[in-house]
Amino acid sequence: MSHSHAHPHAHDLGLLIGGVDLFAALIEAVDAAHHEVHLETYIFRFEGAGADVAHALMRAAQRGVQVRVVVDGVGTGELPAPWAERWAQAGVQVRVFAPAVGLGFWLPSRWRRLHRKLCLVDNTVAFCGGINILDDYLDPHVQGLLTAPRLDYAVSLRGPLVAAVRDTMTQLWSRIEAVRELRSQDLSGALDALRGTDQRLRSPMRGETQLVLRDNVLHRTHIERTYRKAIGEARQDIVVASAYFFPGRRLRRGLVLAAQRGVRVRLLLQGQYEYFLPYRAARQLYGQLMAAGVEIYEYHASFLHAKVAVVDGKWLTVGSSNLDPFSLLLAREANVVAHDPQLARTLHTCLIEAIERGATRVDAQTYLDRGRWQRIVDALASAVLRFGVFLTGKRY
C-alpha cells in the first residue's frame, strides 16, 4: 500500500514498501500513460513481478507512447532474447549503460555503474528509490524463492520535483546517444545528441523536497553532504537502513558525535548477506560506533536492500545510494530528500517494525570477544575495500 498526502508546496510524496507497492503503482501509471515513460534501473529481471512491469512497458509502446528504458551493463547486461525481440517489435527503446566488456570490468573506471532507480510517466508522476525491477522473492544469488520479501523502499512523486527527474533522465539518455553516435563515427549526430546535456541540473536547494543526485561530473558529493548535514543537525533520533555500510571518516564521525551528544542512533544493516567482503568490512567499523553508543541491528528476516534514513521524525531520504564507497564515490545515484513529518513518521514506524521483528541487535561484548580469526577477516575485508577506493584515485 502507498502512504501519501498532499503538500503545501504542491509536492505529493507517497512511500512505497517493496516491489509489491512499487510495481503496482508503476504499472498503474504506465497503463495510464499518454505520451512518455522513461525508466532507469540497475537490475531488470523478466521473471515474476518483473515480467508484469515488462508487459506494461510493452503495452504502452504498442499504444504509441514513447518508452525509453536504460539498464546497467553489469546489473542487467543484455536482455533475454525473447524480451529483446518483443520490446523491439512493440517499439520500446532500450539502452545499456556501460556494457561490461570482458576483463575491462576489472578496471576501476568500469566500476562507475548506473545504480539509480528512476521512472517518469507523462511529466506528471515519477518514482525514485532503491528497488530494482526484480521480484521481491527472487534473488540472483539464491536458488528458488526467498522465504520473506526483500526489504526495500521507494517513493512516488508528483509536483515540481518531477521536472528535476525529467532533467536528469533526459540528460543521461542524451549522453548515451552521443556515445553511440561517436562509436558509429557520426560526429554531427553526436554533437546533436550532446546539445543540451551540459546545462547544470538544478543544484539541491534548501527547499523542503529535493532530488539529490550523485555522478562523476557536477554532483560528486551531494548525497553524502546531505546525509552529513541531517546527522549534524539531529537532536533526538536517527534511524539509518543501509544494505552496504562502509561510510568514510567524516560520515562516521557525524554518527559518533550525534550519539555522544545524546541522539539515539540506530543502524539497520545486513544480517543475511550476498557479498562476504562488504559485510565483513562493515563489521570492522562496529566497535568505534558502538563505543559511542550507536545501536547496530542486523536484519535476518530476508535480504536488506534498503537505503533510507529518518532524522528526528521530520527529515527523511529514500533512494538508491548506500553508505559505502561504491555509492558515495562511483555510481550514479538518486535520492529523494524531504522535510516531511507525516511521511517521516510512516517510514520511521516501518523501520522500527523491521528492527523489532526481523533484526538482532549486535551485542557489544560478544563483538569485542570475537575470535582472532574473525578480527583478522574483518580487518582484511576493510583493507581490501580501502585499497579498491585507492585504485579509483578517490580519497575516502
Protein backbone atom coordinates (compact mmCIF):
# COMPACT_ATOMS: atom_id res chain seq x y z
CA MET A 1 0.00 0.00 0.00
CA SER A 2 1.15 3.52 -0.70
CA HIS A 3 1.23 6.09 2.06
CA SER A 4 0.89 9.61 0.69
CA HIS A 5 -0.56 13.02 1.28
CA ALA A 6 -0.68 16.44 -0.35
CA HIS A 7 1.98 19.02 0.40
CA PRO A 8 1.56 22.72 0.97
CA HIS A 9 4.21 23.22 -1.74
CA ALA A 10 2.30 21.09 -4.25
CA HIS A 11 4.68 18.17 -3.70
CA ASP A 12 2.88 14.91 -3.17
CA LEU A 13 5.08 12.10 -1.91
CA GLY A 14 3.97 8.52 -1.34
CA LEU A 15 6.01 5.86 0.45
CA LEU A 16 6.13 2.54 -1.40
CA ILE A 17 7.20 -0.54 0.54
CA GLY A 18 8.92 -3.21 -1.53
CA GLY A 19 8.25 -4.27 -5.08
CA VAL A 20 4.68 -5.16 -4.10
CA ASP A 21 3.82 -1.46 -3.67
CA LEU A 22 6.17 -0.06 -6.31
CA PHE A 23 5.28 -2.38 -9.18
CA ALA A 24 1.52 -1.96 -8.64
CA ALA A 25 1.90 1.86 -8.68
CA LEU A 26 4.31 1.74 -11.62
CA ILE A 27 2.07 -0.48 -13.73
CA GLU A 28 -0.97 1.67 -12.94
CA ALA A 29 0.91 4.82 -14.04
CA VAL A 30 2.36 3.18 -17.18
CA ASP A 31 -1.06 1.80 -18.19
CA ALA A 32 -2.47 5.34 -17.93
CA ALA A 33 0.43 6.94 -19.87
CA HIS A 34 -0.38 9.03 -22.96
CA HIS A 35 2.98 10.43 -24.07
CA GLU A 36 6.12 9.02 -22.49
CA VAL A 37 7.53 6.54 -20.00
CA HIS A 38 11.21 6.79 -19.09
CA LEU A 39 12.74 4.14 -16.77
CA GLU A 40 16.26 3.67 -15.38
CA THR A 41 17.28 0.67 -13.28
CA TYR A 42 20.38 -1.22 -12.26
CA ILE A 43 18.72 -4.66 -12.50
CA PHE A 44 15.78 -5.60 -14.75
CA ARG A 45 14.81 -9.24 -14.34
CA PHE A 46 12.00 -10.50 -16.56
CA GLU A 47 10.61 -13.06 -14.12
CA GLY A 48 7.74 -12.93 -11.64
CA ALA A 49 6.66 -9.35 -10.94
CA GLY A 50 9.47 -8.06 -13.20
CA ALA A 51 7.64 -9.60 -16.17
CA ASP A 52 4.47 -7.72 -15.16
CA VAL A 53 6.38 -4.42 -15.42
CA ALA A 54 7.93 -5.51 -18.74
CA HIS A 55 4.46 -6.30 -20.16
CA ALA A 56 3.13 -2.89 -19.05
CA LEU A 57 6.02 -1.13 -20.84
CA MET A 58 5.31 -3.19 -23.94
CA ARG A 59 1.59 -2.32 -23.86
CA ALA A 60 2.41 1.39 -23.55
CA ALA A 61 4.78 1.28 -26.55
CA GLN A 62 2.16 -0.56 -28.59
CA ARG A 63 -0.29 2.30 -27.88
CA GLY A 64 2.23 4.76 -29.34
CA VAL A 65 3.67 6.01 -26.04
CA GLN A 66 7.40 6.79 -26.26
CA VAL A 67 9.01 4.23 -23.94
CA ARG A 68 12.70 4.55 -23.07
CA VAL A 69 14.49 2.10 -20.76
CA VAL A 70 18.09 2.34 -19.55
CA VAL A 71 19.60 -0.66 -17.73
CA ASP A 72 23.08 -1.12 -16.32
CA GLY A 73 25.61 -3.21 -18.24
CA VAL A 74 26.62 -5.20 -15.16
CA GLY A 75 23.37 -5.25 -13.17
CA THR A 76 21.27 -6.32 -16.15
CA GLY A 77 23.57 -6.86 -19.13
CA GLU A 78 22.00 -7.97 -22.39
CA LEU A 79 18.24 -8.54 -22.31
CA PRO A 80 16.93 -12.12 -22.70
CA ALA A 81 16.44 -12.69 -26.44
CA PRO A 82 12.63 -13.25 -26.32
CA TRP A 83 12.11 -9.99 -24.43
CA ALA A 84 14.56 -8.04 -26.57
CA GLU A 85 12.52 -9.13 -29.59
CA ARG A 86 9.12 -8.40 -28.01
CA TRP A 87 10.21 -4.96 -26.89
CA ALA A 88 11.79 -4.17 -30.26
CA GLN A 89 8.56 -5.13 -32.07
CA ALA A 90 6.47 -3.07 -29.67
CA GLY A 91 8.79 -0.04 -30.07
CA VAL A 92 10.36 0.04 -26.59
CA GLN A 93 13.75 1.78 -26.88
CA VAL A 94 16.44 0.18 -24.69
CA ARG A 95 19.96 1.36 -23.95
CA VAL A 96 22.61 -0.43 -21.87
CA PHE A 97 24.70 1.88 -19.67
CA ALA A 98 28.43 1.00 -19.78
CA PRO A 99 28.22 -2.58 -21.04
CA ALA A 100 30.58 -4.92 -19.18
CA VAL A 101 33.28 -5.96 -21.63
CA GLY A 102 35.47 -8.94 -20.69
CA LEU A 103 38.44 -8.17 -18.48
CA GLY A 104 37.73 -4.46 -18.85
CA PHE A 105 35.38 -4.76 -15.86
CA TRP A 106 38.40 -5.09 -13.58
CA LEU A 107 39.47 -1.55 -14.44
CA PRO A 108 38.31 0.90 -11.72
CA SER A 109 36.84 3.20 -14.40
CA ARG A 110 34.36 0.40 -15.21
CA TRP A 111 33.06 0.41 -11.61
CA ARG A 112 31.06 3.54 -12.37
CA ARG A 113 27.66 1.94 -12.70
CA LEU A 114 24.14 3.25 -13.24
CA HIS A 115 22.74 2.36 -9.83
CA ARG A 116 19.83 4.77 -9.59
CA LYS A 117 16.22 3.63 -9.92
CA LEU A 118 14.04 6.32 -11.51
CA CYS A 119 10.88 6.36 -13.57
CA LEU A 120 8.99 9.24 -15.16
CA VAL A 121 5.50 8.96 -16.63
CA ASP A 122 3.99 11.78 -18.73
CA ASN A 123 5.70 14.55 -16.77
CA THR A 124 3.09 14.04 -14.07
CA VAL A 125 4.34 11.26 -11.80
CA ALA A 126 7.83 9.97 -11.02
CA PHE A 127 9.28 7.22 -8.86
CA CYS A 128 12.62 7.13 -7.04
CA GLY A 129 14.06 4.57 -4.64
CA GLY A 130 16.27 1.57 -4.08
CA ILE A 131 14.07 -1.08 -5.70
CA ASN A 132 15.29 -2.78 -8.87
CA ILE A 133 12.83 -4.27 -11.35
CA LEU A 134 13.28 -7.56 -9.56
CA ASP A 135 10.58 -9.65 -7.88
CA ASP A 136 10.62 -9.31 -4.06
CA TYR A 137 11.04 -13.08 -3.67
CA LEU A 138 13.69 -13.64 -6.36
CA ASP A 139 17.40 -13.10 -5.84
CA PRO A 140 20.21 -13.53 -8.39
CA HIS A 141 22.38 -15.23 -5.74
CA VAL A 142 19.82 -17.70 -4.37
CA GLN A 143 18.22 -20.80 -5.90
CA GLY A 144 14.42 -20.78 -5.70
CA LEU A 145 12.33 -18.21 -3.84
CA LEU A 146 13.26 -16.21 -0.78
CA THR A 147 11.28 -17.14 2.34
CA ALA A 148 10.44 -13.48 3.04
CA PRO A 149 10.37 -10.42 0.75
CA ARG A 150 13.49 -8.28 0.33
CA LEU A 151 13.29 -5.12 2.49
CA ASP A 152 13.38 -2.02 0.32
CA TYR A 153 11.61 1.30 -0.28
CA ALA A 154 10.74 3.82 -2.99
CA VAL A 155 8.66 6.99 -3.23
CA SER A 156 6.17 8.23 -5.77
CA LEU A 157 6.40 11.93 -6.62
CA ARG A 158 4.05 14.50 -8.03
CA GLY A 159 4.60 18.24 -8.27
CA PRO A 160 7.65 20.38 -9.04
CA LEU A 161 10.19 17.62 -8.36
CA VAL A 162 9.02 15.69 -11.42
CA ALA A 163 10.80 18.28 -13.62
CA ALA A 164 14.12 17.55 -11.87
CA VAL A 165 13.63 13.82 -12.53
CA ARG A 166 12.90 14.59 -16.16
CA ASP A 167 16.02 16.78 -16.49
CA THR A 168 18.42 14.18 -15.17
CA MET A 169 16.88 11.28 -17.11
CA THR A 170 16.83 13.23 -20.37
CA GLN A 171 20.43 14.28 -19.84
CA LEU A 172 21.63 10.70 -19.31
CA TRP A 173 19.74 9.49 -22.38
CA SER A 174 21.34 12.25 -24.49
CA ARG A 175 24.81 11.32 -23.25
CA ILE A 176 24.27 7.64 -24.07
CA GLU A 177 23.04 8.59 -27.54
CA ALA A 178 26.08 10.82 -28.07
CA VAL A 179 28.44 7.95 -27.21
CA ARG A 180 26.58 5.67 -29.63
CA GLU A 181 26.85 8.26 -32.40
CA LEU A 182 30.58 8.72 -31.73
CA ARG A 183 31.16 4.97 -31.84
CA SER A 184 29.41 4.84 -35.20
CA GLN A 185 31.59 7.84 -36.26
CA ASP A 186 28.58 10.10 -36.80
CA LEU A 187 30.10 13.31 -35.49
CA SER A 188 27.22 15.62 -36.37
CA GLY A 189 24.77 13.19 -34.76
CA ALA A 190 26.94 13.09 -31.64
CA LEU A 191 27.01 16.88 -31.41
CA ASP A 192 23.23 16.98 -31.80
CA ALA A 193 22.81 14.39 -29.07
CA LEU A 194 25.14 16.26 -26.73
CA ARG A 195 23.39 19.59 -27.18
CA GLY A 196 21.53 20.43 -24.01
CA THR A 197 23.29 17.82 -21.89
CA ASP A 198 25.67 20.26 -20.25
CA GLN A 199 23.12 22.53 -18.65
CA ARG A 200 23.68 22.40 -14.92
CA LEU A 201 20.97 20.34 -13.29
CA ARG A 202 19.19 22.16 -10.52
CA SER A 203 21.51 22.06 -7.54
CA PRO A 204 19.79 20.94 -4.34
CA MET A 205 18.14 23.98 -2.85
CA ARG A 206 17.38 24.46 0.79
CA GLY A 207 13.76 23.75 -0.03
CA GLU A 208 11.65 21.10 1.59
CA THR A 209 11.82 18.38 -1.04
CA GLN A 210 14.75 17.72 -3.37
CA LEU A 211 16.06 15.20 -5.83
CA VAL A 212 19.70 14.74 -4.81
CA LEU A 213 22.00 13.17 -7.38
CA ARG A 214 25.47 11.69 -7.39
CA ASP A 215 27.51 11.47 -10.57
CA ASN A 216 31.14 11.90 -11.58
CA VAL A 217 30.78 15.36 -13.11
CA LEU A 218 28.82 18.00 -11.21
CA HIS A 219 27.37 16.10 -8.28
CA ARG A 220 30.25 14.17 -6.75
CA THR A 221 29.40 14.58 -3.06
CA HIS A 222 25.81 15.84 -2.91
CA ILE A 223 24.25 12.74 -1.35
CA GLU A 224 26.96 12.31 1.28
CA ARG A 225 26.83 16.02 2.18
CA THR A 226 23.05 15.81 2.57
CA TYR A 227 23.39 12.89 5.00
CA ARG A 228 26.15 14.63 6.97
CA LYS A 229 24.12 17.82 7.32
CA ALA A 230 20.99 16.00 8.56
CA ILE A 231 23.03 13.90 11.02
CA GLY A 232 24.87 17.01 12.23
CA GLU A 233 21.57 18.79 12.94
CA ALA A 234 19.86 15.80 14.61
CA ARG A 235 18.57 16.40 18.13
CA GLN A 236 16.66 13.26 19.19
CA ASP A 237 16.68 10.30 16.88
CA ILE A 238 18.47 8.92 13.80
CA VAL A 239 17.48 5.67 12.08
CA VAL A 240 19.52 4.61 9.05
CA ALA A 241 18.98 1.47 6.96
CA SER A 242 21.80 0.75 4.52
CA ALA A 243 22.39 -2.51 2.69
CA TYR A 244 26.08 -1.72 2.21
CA PHE A 245 27.65 0.26 5.02
CA PHE A 246 31.22 1.48 4.86
CA PRO A 247 30.98 5.26 5.29
CA GLY A 248 34.04 7.49 5.12
CA ARG A 249 35.65 9.11 8.13
CA ARG A 250 33.53 12.29 8.16
CA LEU A 251 30.20 10.48 7.97
CA ARG A 252 31.27 8.03 10.71
CA ARG A 253 32.39 10.94 12.85
CA GLY A 254 28.98 12.58 12.35
CA LEU A 255 27.22 9.45 13.68
CA VAL A 256 29.64 9.18 16.64
CA LEU A 257 29.21 12.87 17.58
CA ALA A 258 25.41 12.58 17.34
CA ALA A 259 25.40 9.59 19.71
CA GLN A 260 27.78 11.37 22.08
CA ARG A 261 25.52 14.41 22.33
CA GLY A 262 22.58 12.20 23.33
CA VAL A 263 20.87 11.47 20.00
CA ARG A 264 19.57 7.89 19.80
CA VAL A 265 21.29 6.45 16.71
CA ARG A 266 20.09 3.14 15.27
CA LEU A 267 21.63 1.46 12.25
CA LEU A 268 19.81 -1.35 10.44
CA LEU A 269 22.36 -3.29 8.40
CA GLN A 270 22.60 -6.61 6.56
CA GLY A 271 22.49 -9.81 8.57
CA GLN A 272 21.85 -12.10 5.60
CA TYR A 273 24.43 -11.03 3.06
CA GLU A 274 25.00 -11.64 -0.64
CA TYR A 275 28.61 -10.45 -0.71
CA PHE A 276 31.01 -11.58 2.00
CA LEU A 277 33.56 -8.77 1.58
CA PRO A 278 31.40 -5.67 2.21
CA TYR A 279 29.58 -7.41 5.07
CA ARG A 280 32.84 -8.21 6.86
CA ALA A 281 34.32 -4.77 6.11
CA ALA A 282 31.26 -3.11 7.70
CA ARG A 283 31.82 -5.18 10.86
CA GLN A 284 35.28 -3.63 11.19
CA LEU A 285 33.52 -0.30 11.92
CA TYR A 286 31.13 -1.61 14.58
CA GLY A 287 33.49 -1.17 17.54
CA GLN A 288 34.06 2.57 17.08
CA LEU A 289 30.33 3.19 16.58
CA MET A 290 29.10 1.04 19.49
CA ALA A 291 31.70 2.58 21.82
CA ALA A 292 29.98 5.93 21.18
CA GLY A 293 26.54 4.46 21.94
CA VAL A 294 25.31 3.75 18.40
CA GLU A 295 22.88 0.78 18.32
CA ILE A 296 23.53 -1.65 15.47
CA TYR A 297 20.94 -4.16 14.30
CA GLU A 298 21.49 -6.85 11.68
CA TYR A 299 18.44 -7.76 9.58
CA HIS A 300 17.97 -11.52 9.29
CA ALA A 301 14.36 -11.91 8.11
CA SER A 302 15.41 -11.61 4.45
CA PHE A 303 17.87 -9.61 2.38
CA LEU A 304 18.05 -5.96 3.40
CA HIS A 305 18.32 -3.80 0.27
CA ALA A 306 17.03 -0.50 1.72
CA LYS A 307 18.92 2.80 1.52
CA VAL A 308 16.84 5.14 3.69
CA ALA A 309 17.13 7.32 6.77
CA VAL A 310 14.86 9.27 9.13
CA VAL A 311 16.06 12.05 11.45
CA ASP A 312 14.02 13.46 14.36
CA GLY A 313 10.79 12.14 12.82
CA LYS A 314 10.82 15.04 10.31
CA TRP A 315 13.62 14.61 7.76
CA LEU A 316 13.87 11.57 5.51
CA THR A 317 15.69 10.28 2.49
CA VAL A 318 14.75 7.37 0.22
CA GLY A 319 16.91 6.41 -2.73
CA SER A 320 19.46 4.19 -4.38
CA SER A 321 22.59 5.30 -2.51
CA ASN A 322 24.14 3.01 0.09
CA LEU A 323 26.56 4.49 2.62
CA ASP A 324 29.60 2.87 1.04
CA PRO A 325 32.33 3.98 -1.38
CA PHE A 326 30.67 2.37 -4.39
CA SER A 327 27.54 4.52 -3.96
CA LEU A 328 29.15 7.63 -2.48
CA LEU A 329 32.16 7.83 -4.80
CA LEU A 330 31.50 5.92 -8.02
CA ALA A 331 27.97 5.04 -9.10
CA ARG A 332 25.24 7.29 -10.47
CA GLU A 333 22.70 7.52 -7.67
CA ALA A 334 19.44 9.36 -6.98
CA ASN A 335 17.79 10.03 -3.61
CA VAL A 336 14.71 12.00 -2.68
CA VAL A 337 15.26 14.11 0.43
CA ALA A 338 12.29 15.68 2.20
CA HIS A 339 11.39 17.57 5.33
CA ASP A 340 8.03 15.89 5.72
CA PRO A 341 6.93 14.93 9.26
CA GLN A 342 3.98 12.80 8.16
CA LEU A 343 5.97 10.70 5.69
CA ALA A 344 8.98 10.60 8.05
CA ARG A 345 6.81 9.15 10.80
CA THR A 346 5.45 6.48 8.43
CA LEU A 347 8.95 5.46 7.34
CA HIS A 348 10.18 5.56 10.95
CA THR A 349 7.37 3.18 12.00
CA CYS A 350 8.29 0.79 9.15
CA LEU A 351 11.95 0.77 10.14
CA ILE A 352 11.31 0.26 13.85
CA GLU A 353 8.97 -2.62 12.99
CA ALA A 354 11.71 -4.17 10.80
CA ILE A 355 14.20 -3.76 13.67
CA GLU A 356 11.86 -5.30 16.25
CA ARG A 357 10.51 -8.14 14.12
CA GLY A 358 13.32 -9.02 11.73
CA ALA A 359 16.64 -7.96 13.23
CA THR A 360 19.05 -8.86 16.02
CA ARG A 361 20.96 -6.24 17.98
CA VAL A 362 24.74 -6.65 17.80
CA ASP A 363 25.92 -7.18 21.37
CA ALA A 364 28.99 -5.06 22.14
CA GLN A 365 30.59 -7.60 24.48
CA THR A 366 30.12 -10.50 22.04
CA TYR A 367 31.62 -8.33 19.32
CA LEU A 368 34.63 -7.42 21.49
CA ASP A 369 35.08 -11.07 22.49
CA ARG A 370 35.05 -12.36 18.90
CA GLY A 371 37.95 -14.63 18.00
CA ARG A 372 41.25 -13.57 16.49
CA TRP A 373 40.43 -15.04 13.08
CA GLN A 374 37.15 -13.09 12.97
CA ARG A 375 39.07 -9.89 13.68
CA ILE A 376 41.65 -10.68 11.01
CA VAL A 377 38.96 -11.39 8.41
CA ASP A 378 37.16 -8.11 9.24
CA ALA A 379 40.41 -6.14 9.05
CA LEU A 380 41.40 -7.76 5.75
CA ALA A 381 37.97 -7.10 4.21
CA SER A 382 38.22 -3.47 5.30
CA ALA A 383 41.73 -3.18 3.83
CA VAL A 384 40.59 -4.66 0.50
CA LEU A 385 37.71 -2.16 0.26
CA ARG A 386 40.01 0.75 1.12
CA PHE A 387 42.51 -0.44 -1.49
CA GLY A 388 39.71 -0.57 -4.06
CA VAL A 389 38.91 3.05 -3.27
CA PHE A 390 42.62 3.94 -3.57
CA LEU A 391 42.72 2.33 -7.03
CA THR A 392 39.93 4.60 -8.22
CA GLY A 393 42.03 7.64 -7.31
CA LYS A 394 39.43 8.85 -4.77
CA ARG A 395 40.05 9.89 -1.18
CA TYR A 396 37.95 8.14 1.42
